[in-house]
């Protein structure tokens, strides 16, 4: 009986740990189309000192994630700090 309880507890613990597995970037790029960079809503910094193996910037564009080289952080900070222009039909440009 004790063995069954132990097995159940281990399976619950294993499934809980599996659900908490982080999504790490495994490779990065520095080349992105300007259209993609302009649509970035936020970014996260991934470091190799945590559970992930490499340093990266995780760019969030709608429901997608892109892995960029950390060198892009300076450019992204500038782009995200500027107010975005939104063109509407019928408005003067």
C-alpha atoms as a PDB file:
ATOM      1  CA  UNK A   1       0.000   0.000   0.000  1.00  0.00           C
ATOM      2  CA  UNK A   2       2.809   2.393   0.895  1.00  0.00           C
ATOM      3  CA  UNK A   3       4.468   1.672  -2.445  1.00  0.00           C
ATOM      4  CA  UNK A   4       1.296   2.657  -4.329  1.00  0.00           C
ATOM      5  CA  UNK A   5       1.038   5.940  -2.414  1.00  0.00           C
ATOM      6  CA  UNK A   6       4.710   6.658  -3.093  1.00  0.00           C
ATOM      7  CA  UNK A   7       4.235   5.952  -6.814  1.00  0.00           C
ATOM      8  CA  UNK A   8       1.256   8.294  -6.981  1.00  0.00           C
ATOM      9  CA  UNK A   9       3.151  11.070  -5.199  1.00  0.00           C
ATOM     10  CA  UNK A  10       6.142  10.652  -7.503  1.00  0.00           C
ATOM     11  CA  UNK A  11       3.986  10.796 -10.629  1.00  0.00           C
ATOM     12  CA  UNK A  12       2.239  13.961  -9.389  1.00  0.00           C
ATOM     13  CA  UNK A  13       5.586  15.574  -8.588  1.00  0.00           C
ATOM     14  CA  UNK A  14       7.030  14.593 -11.973  1.00  0.00           C
ATOM     15  CA  UNK A  15       4.064  16.012 -13.903  1.00  0.00           C
ATOM     16  CA  UNK A  16       4.208  19.249 -11.881  1.00  0.00           C
ATOM     17  CA  UNK A  17       7.906  19.675 -12.633  1.00  0.00           C
ATOM     18  CA  UNK A  18       7.357  18.951 -16.327  1.00  0.00           C
ATOM     19  CA  UNK A  19       4.791  21.750 -16.569  1.00  0.00           C
ATOM     20  CA  UNK A  20       7.283  24.239 -15.129  1.00  0.00           C
ATOM     21  CA  UNK A  21       9.984  23.554 -17.712  1.00  0.00           C
ATOM     22  CA  UNK A  22      11.126  26.914 -19.139  1.00  0.00           C
ATOM     23  CA  UNK A  23      11.129  27.602 -22.860  1.00  0.00           C
ATOM     24  CA  UNK A  24      14.747  28.406 -23.576  1.00  0.00           C
ATOM     25  CA  UNK A  25      16.291  29.800 -26.726  1.00  0.00           C
ATOM     26  CA  UNK A  26      18.820  27.326 -28.085  1.00  0.00           C
ATOM     27  CA  UNK A  27      20.137  29.559 -30.871  1.00  0.00           C
ATOM     28  CA  UNK A  28      19.967  33.261 -31.659  1.00  0.00           C
ATOM     29  CA  UNK A  29      20.142  35.564 -34.639  1.00  0.00           C
ATOM     30  CA  UNK A  30      20.924  39.237 -35.080  1.00  0.00           C
ATOM     31  CA  UNK A  31      19.220  39.652 -38.452  1.00  0.00           C
ATOM     32  CA  UNK A  32      15.529  40.475 -38.265  1.00  0.00           C
ATOM     33  CA  UNK A  33      13.359  42.311 -40.763  1.00  0.00           C
ATOM     34  CA  UNK A  34      12.548  45.842 -39.614  1.00  0.00           C
ATOM     35  CA  UNK A  35       8.840  44.980 -39.768  1.00  0.00           C
ATOM     36  CA  UNK A  36       9.337  42.301 -37.101  1.00  0.00           C
ATOM     37  CA  UNK A  37      11.388  44.577 -34.842  1.00  0.00           C
ATOM     38  CA  UNK A  38       8.739  47.294 -35.095  1.00  0.00           C
ATOM     39  CA  UNK A  39       6.071  44.845 -33.888  1.00  0.00           C
ATOM     40  CA  UNK A  40       7.944  43.773 -30.745  1.00  0.00           C
ATOM     41  CA  UNK A  41       5.712  44.496 -27.747  1.00  0.00           C
ATOM     42  CA  UNK A  42       8.211  43.432 -25.090  1.00  0.00           C
ATOM     43  CA  UNK A  43      11.329  41.361 -24.624  1.00  0.00           C
ATOM     44  CA  UNK A  44      12.838  39.213 -21.887  1.00  0.00           C
ATOM     45  CA  UNK A  45      16.505  38.649 -21.124  1.00  0.00           C
ATOM     46  CA  UNK A  46      17.617  35.021 -20.953  1.00  0.00           C
ATOM     47  CA  UNK A  47      20.964  34.341 -19.272  1.00  0.00           C
ATOM     48  CA  UNK A  48      23.164  31.286 -19.306  1.00  0.00           C
ATOM     49  CA  UNK A  49      23.463  31.516 -15.515  1.00  0.00           C
ATOM     50  CA  UNK A  50      19.897  30.284 -15.058  1.00  0.00           C
ATOM     51  CA  UNK A  51      18.365  27.090 -16.390  1.00  0.00           C
ATOM     52  CA  UNK A  52      19.001  28.008 -20.037  1.00  0.00           C
ATOM     53  CA  UNK A  53      22.297  27.335 -21.807  1.00  0.00           C
ATOM     54  CA  UNK A  54      22.831  30.606 -23.707  1.00  0.00           C
ATOM     55  CA  UNK A  55      22.356  34.356 -23.349  1.00  0.00           C
ATOM     56  CA  UNK A  56      19.536  35.663 -25.526  1.00  0.00           C
ATOM     57  CA  UNK A  57      16.802  38.223 -25.893  1.00  0.00           C
ATOM     58  CA  UNK A  58      13.352  36.693 -26.214  1.00  0.00           C
ATOM     59  CA  UNK A  59      11.320  39.009 -28.447  1.00  0.00           C
ATOM     60  CA  UNK A  60       7.537  38.873 -28.114  1.00  0.00           C
ATOM     61  CA  UNK A  61       5.575  39.647 -31.286  1.00  0.00           C
ATOM     62  CA  UNK A  62       1.876  38.845 -30.939  1.00  0.00           C
ATOM     63  CA  UNK A  63       1.767  35.117 -30.128  1.00  0.00           C
ATOM     64  CA  UNK A  64       5.281  34.378 -31.389  1.00  0.00           C
ATOM     65  CA  UNK A  65       8.670  34.343 -29.702  1.00  0.00           C
ATOM     66  CA  UNK A  66      11.954  35.086 -31.460  1.00  0.00           C
ATOM     67  CA  UNK A  67      15.442  34.514 -30.097  1.00  0.00           C
ATOM     68  CA  UNK A  68      17.832  37.376 -30.721  1.00  0.00           C
ATOM     69  CA  UNK A  69      21.439  38.119 -29.871  1.00  0.00           C
ATOM     70  CA  UNK A  70      21.842  40.247 -26.713  1.00  0.00           C
ATOM     71  CA  UNK A  71      23.491  42.962 -28.852  1.00  0.00           C
ATOM     72  CA  UNK A  72      20.012  43.956 -30.077  1.00  0.00           C
ATOM     73  CA  UNK A  73      18.898  45.109 -26.625  1.00  0.00           C
ATOM     74  CA  UNK A  74      20.160  48.661 -27.095  1.00  0.00           C
ATOM     75  CA  UNK A  75      18.264  49.044 -30.373  1.00  0.00           C
ATOM     76  CA  UNK A  76      15.108  47.522 -28.884  1.00  0.00           C
ATOM     77  CA  UNK A  77      15.202  49.888 -25.914  1.00  0.00           C
ATOM     78  CA  UNK A  78      15.334  52.839 -28.298  1.00  0.00           C
ATOM     79  CA  UNK A  79      12.533  51.469 -30.474  1.00  0.00           C
ATOM     80  CA  UNK A  80      10.265  50.662 -27.532  1.00  0.00           C
ATOM     81  CA  UNK A  81      10.818  54.040 -25.879  1.00  0.00           C
ATOM     82  CA  UNK A  82       9.661  56.019 -28.929  1.00  0.00           C
ATOM     83  CA  UNK A  83       5.930  56.550 -29.346  1.00  0.00           C
ATOM     84  CA  UNK A  84       4.554  54.469 -32.167  1.00  0.00           C
ATOM     85  CA  UNK A  85       2.756  56.153 -35.011  1.00  0.00           C
ATOM     86  CA  UNK A  86      -0.516  54.634 -35.988  1.00  0.00           C
ATOM     87  CA  UNK A  87      -1.984  55.615 -39.308  1.00  0.00           C
ATOM     88  CA  UNK A  88      -5.735  55.578 -39.590  1.00  0.00           C
ATOM     89  CA  UNK A  89      -7.724  55.830 -42.752  1.00  0.00           C
ATOM     90  CA  UNK A  90      -8.902  59.350 -43.405  1.00  0.00           C
ATOM     91  CA  UNK A  91      -6.363  61.003 -41.127  1.00  0.00           C
ATOM     92  CA  UNK A  92      -3.950  63.643 -42.335  1.00  0.00           C
ATOM     93  CA  UNK A  93      -0.360  62.515 -42.596  1.00  0.00           C
END
